[in-house]
Amino acid sequence: MLNFFKVIGTPSALSDWSYVSQRKSQVVKEILEDADEENKRMVFRLVEGDLLRSYDNWRNILNIRPTGEGTLVKWTMEFEKQNQDIPDPVEYAASLIALTQNIDAYFLNTSRS
């Protein structure tokens, strides 16, 4: 069980990410907008990158909550489409799920070592 939450970075810290979506390499730059260690919550706002070609505003909110023998990780994506023809960001949501699964696998592997 993940029984700690440590914010890495400080508010206003910038992070660059590269990922693949629809077989294309994409990039995004985000800023850590808010970090609340007591409530285990972090808010990231996108400031540059491929997603902002289709969305005017974008925030990812990460909430972590210990539950019994495990931990619940909840990602919330808040976004504003530039127009109604823009599809829902299903591919990006899938990348957040994959990221979370990779982190989970890392912690499980590390705890067994």
Protein backbone atom coordinates (compact mmCIF):
# COMPACT_ATOMS: atom_id res chain seq x y z
CA MET A 1 0.00 0.00 0.00
CA LEU A 2 1.18 3.48 -0.83
CA ASN A 3 0.98 5.20 2.54
CA PHE A 4 2.86 8.35 1.72
CA PHE A 5 2.45 11.27 -0.61
CA LYS A 6 5.38 13.50 -1.39
CA VAL A 7 5.15 16.37 -3.81
CA ILE A 8 8.16 16.46 -6.08
CA GLY A 9 8.70 20.01 -7.23
CA THR A 10 7.11 23.22 -6.07
CA PRO A 11 4.17 25.20 -7.40
CA SER A 12 5.20 26.85 -10.66
CA ALA A 13 7.57 23.97 -11.47
CA LEU A 14 7.53 23.10 -15.19
CA SER A 15 7.57 19.58 -16.62
CA ASP A 16 8.01 18.48 -20.23
CA TRP A 17 6.39 15.23 -21.37
CA SER A 18 6.66 13.28 -24.61
CA TYR A 19 4.10 10.64 -25.51
CA VAL A 20 2.64 8.87 -28.52
CA SER A 21 -0.98 9.44 -29.53
CA GLN A 22 -2.56 8.11 -32.70
CA ARG A 23 0.89 6.89 -33.79
CA LYS A 24 2.32 10.41 -33.61
CA SER A 25 4.94 11.66 -31.19
CA GLN A 26 3.51 14.53 -29.15
CA VAL A 27 4.82 16.88 -26.49
CA VAL A 28 3.28 18.85 -23.69
CA LYS A 29 4.60 21.27 -21.10
CA GLU A 30 2.75 21.61 -17.83
CA ILE A 31 3.09 23.71 -14.72
CA LEU A 32 2.43 22.47 -11.21
CA GLU A 33 -0.37 24.84 -10.30
CA ASP A 34 -1.22 23.50 -6.83
CA ALA A 35 0.18 20.84 -4.51
CA ASP A 36 -1.58 19.84 -1.32
CA GLU A 37 0.32 17.13 0.58
CA GLU A 38 -2.24 16.95 3.39
CA ASN A 39 -5.10 16.18 0.98
CA LYS A 40 -2.86 14.24 -1.43
CA ARG A 41 -3.82 16.38 -4.42
CA MET A 42 -1.85 17.94 -7.26
CA VAL A 43 -3.10 20.16 -10.07
CA PHE A 44 -1.20 20.52 -13.34
CA ARG A 45 -2.05 23.10 -16.03
CA LEU A 46 -0.88 22.67 -19.60
CA VAL A 47 0.97 25.72 -20.87
CA GLU A 48 2.39 24.46 -24.20
CA GLY A 49 2.14 21.51 -26.50
CA ASP A 50 0.16 19.61 -29.07
CA LEU A 51 -3.03 19.33 -27.01
CA LEU A 52 -3.41 23.10 -26.90
CA ARG A 53 -3.92 23.11 -30.68
CA SER A 54 -7.37 21.64 -30.03
CA TYR A 55 -8.16 22.72 -26.46
CA ASP A 56 -8.10 26.25 -25.08
CA ASN A 57 -7.59 25.24 -21.44
CA TRP A 58 -6.46 22.00 -19.87
CA ARG A 59 -5.82 20.91 -16.28
CA ASN A 60 -4.99 17.46 -14.91
CA ILE A 61 -5.92 16.89 -11.28
CA LEU A 62 -4.35 13.98 -9.40
CA ASN A 63 -5.94 12.71 -6.18
CA ILE A 64 -4.48 9.83 -4.17
CA ARG A 65 -6.36 8.10 -1.37
CA PRO A 66 -5.25 5.09 0.67
CA THR A 67 -7.97 2.39 0.79
CA GLY A 68 -7.55 -0.69 2.95
CA GLU A 69 -4.70 -2.66 1.43
CA GLY A 70 -4.24 -0.45 -1.62
CA THR A 71 -4.42 3.07 -2.93
CA LEU A 72 -6.97 4.74 -5.17
CA VAL A 73 -5.52 7.04 -7.83
CA LYS A 74 -7.97 9.38 -9.53
CA TRP A 75 -7.10 11.54 -12.52
CA THR A 76 -9.52 14.29 -13.51
CA MET A 77 -9.08 16.08 -16.83
CA GLU A 78 -10.63 19.51 -17.13
CA PHE A 79 -10.55 20.89 -20.64
CA GLU A 80 -12.27 23.34 -22.96
CA LYS A 81 -12.55 22.37 -26.62
CA GLN A 82 -11.79 25.08 -29.17
CA ASN A 83 -14.96 24.03 -31.00
CA GLN A 84 -17.55 21.24 -30.94
CA ASP A 85 -15.84 19.37 -33.80
CA ILE A 86 -12.89 18.51 -31.54
CA PRO A 87 -13.18 14.90 -30.33
CA ASP A 88 -13.14 13.93 -26.68
CA PRO A 89 -9.55 13.26 -25.52
CA VAL A 90 -9.94 9.48 -25.15
CA GLU A 91 -6.37 8.81 -26.34
CA TYR A 92 -4.91 11.16 -23.74
CA ALA A 93 -7.01 9.60 -20.99
CA ALA A 94 -5.60 6.22 -22.03
CA SER A 95 -2.07 7.61 -21.68
CA LEU A 96 -2.80 8.76 -18.09
CA ILE A 97 -4.12 5.29 -17.28
CA ALA A 98 -0.99 3.70 -18.76
CA LEU A 99 1.23 6.10 -16.79
CA THR A 100 -0.58 5.19 -13.57
CA GLN A 101 -0.29 1.46 -14.31
CA ASN A 102 3.45 1.84 -14.95
CA ILE A 103 3.92 3.67 -11.66
CA ASP A 104 1.89 0.99 -9.89
CA ALA A 105 4.00 -1.78 -11.42
CA TYR A 106 7.17 0.04 -10.39
CA PHE A 107 6.05 0.34 -6.76
CA LEU A 108 4.91 -3.29 -6.66
CA ASN A 109 8.23 -4.46 -8.08
CA THR A 110 10.23 -2.24 -5.73
CA SER A 111 8.31 -3.40 -2.67
CA ARG A 112 9.11 -7.03 -3.50
CA SER A 113 12.85 -6.38 -3.77
